[in-house]
Amino acid sequence: MAGWSNGKTLFWIAAADAKGRKHTYRKGDIGFHHYAFRLRSRKDVDALQEFLKKQGATIVDPAGEYYDDYYAVFFLDPDGMKLEGMRYGERHEQAARKRAAAKRAKLAKRKTAKG
């Protein structure tokens, strides 16, 4: 069993018990293909990957950008199920905050000039 936390999210995985190991996981069977956990930041994705490496977990696809502003690491649990730690939209959110701050600054400057 292994556990990981980013300070807010707790994530634990464990190997199947003896009965469960009789039915090995196979993609294509009934059930999930993989499960994704949304993390708070790209730094958390990187931290998860480092933790997984230290635990000897199999990294299927290393931390990186897989789609526009979609940063993730893909790995296997002890039974071979594919899991994912991901962060979507961080760059877009940062850009939106910068635009909002610039707009507020511009409005404040106008008020000061009129004042």
C-alpha atoms as a PDB file:
ATOM      1  CA  MET A   1       0.000   0.000   0.000  1.00  0.00           C
ATOM      2  CA  ALA A   2       1.178   3.523  -0.728  1.00  0.00           C
ATOM      3  CA  GLY A   3      -0.304   6.917   0.059  1.00  0.00           C
ATOM      4  CA  TRP A   4       0.319  10.430  -1.238  1.00  0.00           C
ATOM      5  CA  SER A   5      -1.020  13.873  -0.324  1.00  0.00           C
ATOM      6  CA  ASN A   6      -0.604  17.342  -1.777  1.00  0.00           C
ATOM      7  CA  GLY A   7      -1.897  18.890   1.442  1.00  0.00           C
ATOM      8  CA  LYS A   8      -5.535  18.739   0.394  1.00  0.00           C
ATOM      9  CA  THR A   9      -6.045  15.582  -1.645  1.00  0.00           C
ATOM     10  CA  LEU A  10      -5.275  12.176  -0.155  1.00  0.00           C
ATOM     11  CA  PHE A  11      -4.632   9.312  -2.559  1.00  0.00           C
ATOM     12  CA  TRP A  12      -4.035   5.701  -1.510  1.00  0.00           C
ATOM     13  CA  ILE A  13      -3.543   2.572  -3.587  1.00  0.00           C
ATOM     14  CA  ALA A  14      -3.081  -1.031  -2.549  1.00  0.00           C
ATOM     15  CA  ALA A  15      -2.613  -4.356  -4.283  1.00  0.00           C
ATOM     16  CA  ALA A  16      -5.555  -6.722  -4.629  1.00  0.00           C
ATOM     17  CA  ASP A  17      -5.988  -9.418  -2.015  1.00  0.00           C
ATOM     18  CA  ALA A  18      -5.510 -13.136  -2.818  1.00  0.00           C
ATOM     19  CA  LYS A  19      -9.049 -13.527  -4.190  1.00  0.00           C
ATOM     20  CA  GLY A  20      -8.753 -10.400  -6.294  1.00  0.00           C
ATOM     21  CA  ARG A  21      -5.434 -11.468  -7.824  1.00  0.00           C
ATOM     22  CA  LYS A  22      -7.187 -14.489  -9.362  1.00  0.00           C
ATOM     23  CA  HIS A  23      -8.824 -12.027 -11.787  1.00  0.00           C
ATOM     24  CA  THR A  24      -6.029  -9.962 -13.275  1.00  0.00           C
ATOM     25  CA  TYR A  25      -6.861  -6.572 -14.684  1.00  0.00           C
ATOM     26  CA  ARG A  26      -7.202  -6.409 -18.454  1.00  0.00           C
ATOM     27  CA  LYS A  27      -8.067  -3.297 -20.456  1.00  0.00           C
ATOM     28  CA  GLY A  28     -11.188  -4.055 -22.419  1.00  0.00           C
ATOM     29  CA  ASP A  29     -12.924  -5.889 -19.586  1.00  0.00           C
ATOM     30  CA  ILE A  30     -15.952  -4.416 -17.869  1.00  0.00           C
ATOM     31  CA  GLY A  31     -14.776  -1.633 -15.597  1.00  0.00           C
ATOM     32  CA  PHE A  32     -12.737   1.491 -15.984  1.00  0.00           C
ATOM     33  CA  HIS A  33      -9.921   2.067 -18.457  1.00  0.00           C
ATOM     34  CA  HIS A  34      -8.113   4.451 -16.138  1.00  0.00           C
ATOM     35  CA  TYR A  35      -8.892   6.901 -13.388  1.00  0.00           C
ATOM     36  CA  ALA A  36      -7.696  10.511 -13.286  1.00  0.00           C
ATOM     37  CA  PHE A  37      -7.156  12.607 -10.170  1.00  0.00           C
ATOM     38  CA  ARG A  38      -7.221  16.386 -10.645  1.00  0.00           C
ATOM     39  CA  LEU A  39      -4.430  18.024  -8.682  1.00  0.00           C
ATOM     40  CA  ARG A  40      -3.994  21.653  -7.637  1.00  0.00           C
ATOM     41  CA  SER A  41      -0.993  22.472  -9.825  1.00  0.00           C
ATOM     42  CA  ARG A  42       1.564  21.208 -12.305  1.00  0.00           C
ATOM     43  CA  LYS A  43       4.025  21.196  -9.407  1.00  0.00           C
ATOM     44  CA  ASP A  44       1.773  18.678  -7.655  1.00  0.00           C
ATOM     45  CA  VAL A  45       1.825  16.486 -10.780  1.00  0.00           C
ATOM     46  CA  ASP A  46       5.627  16.619 -10.728  1.00  0.00           C
ATOM     47  CA  ALA A  47       5.684  15.868  -6.988  1.00  0.00           C
ATOM     48  CA  LEU A  48       3.398  12.872  -7.506  1.00  0.00           C
ATOM     49  CA  GLN A  49       5.710  11.542 -10.214  1.00  0.00           C
ATOM     50  CA  GLU A  50       8.749  11.848  -7.944  1.00  0.00           C
ATOM     51  CA  PHE A  51       6.871  10.049  -5.162  1.00  0.00           C
ATOM     52  CA  LEU A  52       5.852   7.267  -7.546  1.00  0.00           C
ATOM     53  CA  LYS A  53       9.438   6.826  -8.729  1.00  0.00           C
ATOM     54  CA  LYS A  54      10.641   6.508  -5.125  1.00  0.00           C
ATOM     55  CA  GLN A  55       7.963   3.855  -4.537  1.00  0.00           C
ATOM     56  CA  GLY A  56       9.100   1.917  -7.606  1.00  0.00           C
ATOM     57  CA  ALA A  57       5.792   2.434  -9.429  1.00  0.00           C
ATOM     58  CA  THR A  58       5.616   1.946 -13.191  1.00  0.00           C
ATOM     59  CA  ILE A  59       5.357   5.302 -14.973  1.00  0.00           C
ATOM     60  CA  VAL A  60       3.458   4.683 -18.229  1.00  0.00           C
ATOM     61  CA  ASP A  61       3.737   8.252 -19.548  1.00  0.00           C
ATOM     62  CA  PRO A  62       5.906  10.782 -17.676  1.00  0.00           C
ATOM     63  CA  ALA A  63       4.740  14.183 -16.483  1.00  0.00           C
ATOM     64  CA  GLY A  64       4.182  16.444 -19.464  1.00  0.00           C
ATOM     65  CA  GLU A  65       1.648  18.383 -21.479  1.00  0.00           C
ATOM     66  CA  TYR A  66      -0.562  15.956 -23.372  1.00  0.00           C
ATOM     67  CA  TYR A  67      -3.168  18.437 -24.657  1.00  0.00           C
ATOM     68  CA  ASP A  68      -3.412  22.217 -24.624  1.00  0.00           C
ATOM     69  CA  ASP A  69      -2.947  23.150 -20.952  1.00  0.00           C
ATOM     70  CA  TYR A  70      -3.450  19.513 -19.830  1.00  0.00           C
ATOM     71  CA  TYR A  71      -0.477  18.372 -17.742  1.00  0.00           C
ATOM     72  CA  ALA A  72      -0.441  14.824 -16.431  1.00  0.00           C
ATOM     73  CA  VAL A  73       1.505  11.766 -15.330  1.00  0.00           C
ATOM     74  CA  PHE A  74       0.163   8.267 -16.070  1.00  0.00           C
ATOM     75  CA  PHE A  75       1.166   5.255 -13.970  1.00  0.00           C
ATOM     76  CA  LEU A  76       0.110   1.746 -12.979  1.00  0.00           C
ATOM     77  CA  ASP A  77      -1.196   0.636  -9.622  1.00  0.00           C
ATOM     78  CA  PRO A  78       0.151  -2.622  -8.147  1.00  0.00           C
ATOM     79  CA  ASP A  79      -2.431  -4.640 -10.129  1.00  0.00           C
ATOM     80  CA  GLY A  80      -1.655  -2.949 -13.457  1.00  0.00           C
ATOM     81  CA  MET A  81      -4.595  -0.524 -13.528  1.00  0.00           C
ATOM     82  CA  LYS A  82      -3.745   2.752 -15.218  1.00  0.00           C
ATOM     83  CA  LEU A  83      -4.068   5.846 -13.040  1.00  0.00           C
ATOM     84  CA  GLU A  84      -3.405   9.516 -13.745  1.00  0.00           C
ATOM     85  CA  GLY A  85      -2.537  12.623 -11.774  1.00  0.00           C
ATOM     86  CA  MET A  86      -3.465  15.664 -13.836  1.00  0.00           C
ATOM     87  CA  ARG A  87      -3.943  19.415 -13.854  1.00  0.00           C
ATOM     88  CA  TYR A  88      -6.071  21.067 -16.516  1.00  0.00           C
ATOM     89  CA  GLY A  89      -6.390  24.786 -17.172  1.00  0.00           C
ATOM     90  CA  GLU A  90      -3.613  26.176 -14.964  1.00  0.00           C
ATOM     91  CA  ARG A  91      -2.061  28.352 -17.700  1.00  0.00           C
ATOM     92  CA  HIS A  92      -5.474  29.622 -18.839  1.00  0.00           C
ATOM     93  CA  GLU A  93      -6.399  30.501 -15.249  1.00  0.00           C
ATOM     94  CA  GLN A  94      -3.113  32.385 -14.754  1.00  0.00           C
ATOM     95  CA  ALA A  95      -3.663  34.341 -17.986  1.00  0.00           C
ATOM     96  CA  ALA A  96      -7.231  35.227 -16.936  1.00  0.00           C
ATOM     97  CA  ARG A  97      -5.977  36.481 -13.544  1.00  0.00           C
ATOM     98  CA  LYS A  98      -3.363  38.666 -15.286  1.00  0.00           C
ATOM     99  CA  ARG A  99      -5.992  40.137 -17.623  1.00  0.00           C
ATOM    100  CA  ALA A 100      -8.314  40.872 -14.680  1.00  0.00           C
ATOM    101  CA  ALA A 101      -5.491  42.528 -12.707  1.00  0.00           C
ATOM    102  CA  ALA A 102      -4.533  44.662 -15.715  1.00  0.00           C
ATOM    103  CA  LYS A 103      -8.172  45.699 -16.143  1.00  0.00           C
ATOM    104  CA  ARG A 104      -8.441  46.649 -12.451  1.00  0.00           C
ATOM    105  CA  ALA A 105      -5.206  48.636 -12.667  1.00  0.00           C
ATOM    106  CA  LYS A 106      -6.454  50.474 -15.753  1.00  0.00           C
ATOM    107  CA  LEU A 107      -9.740  51.356 -14.035  1.00  0.00           C
ATOM    108  CA  ALA A 108      -7.900  52.546 -10.922  1.00  0.00           C
ATOM    109  CA  LYS A 109      -5.636  54.710 -13.063  1.00  0.00           C
ATOM    110  CA  ARG A 110      -8.678  56.294 -14.750  1.00  0.00           C
ATOM    111  CA  LYS A 111     -10.284  57.028 -11.361  1.00  0.00           C
ATOM    112  CA  THR A 112      -7.042  58.624 -10.137  1.00  0.00           C
ATOM    113  CA  ALA A 113      -6.766  60.772 -13.279  1.00  0.00           C
ATOM    114  CA  LYS A 114     -10.391  61.978 -12.919  1.00  0.00           C
ATOM    115  CA  GLY A 115     -10.104  62.404  -9.147  1.00  0.00           C
END
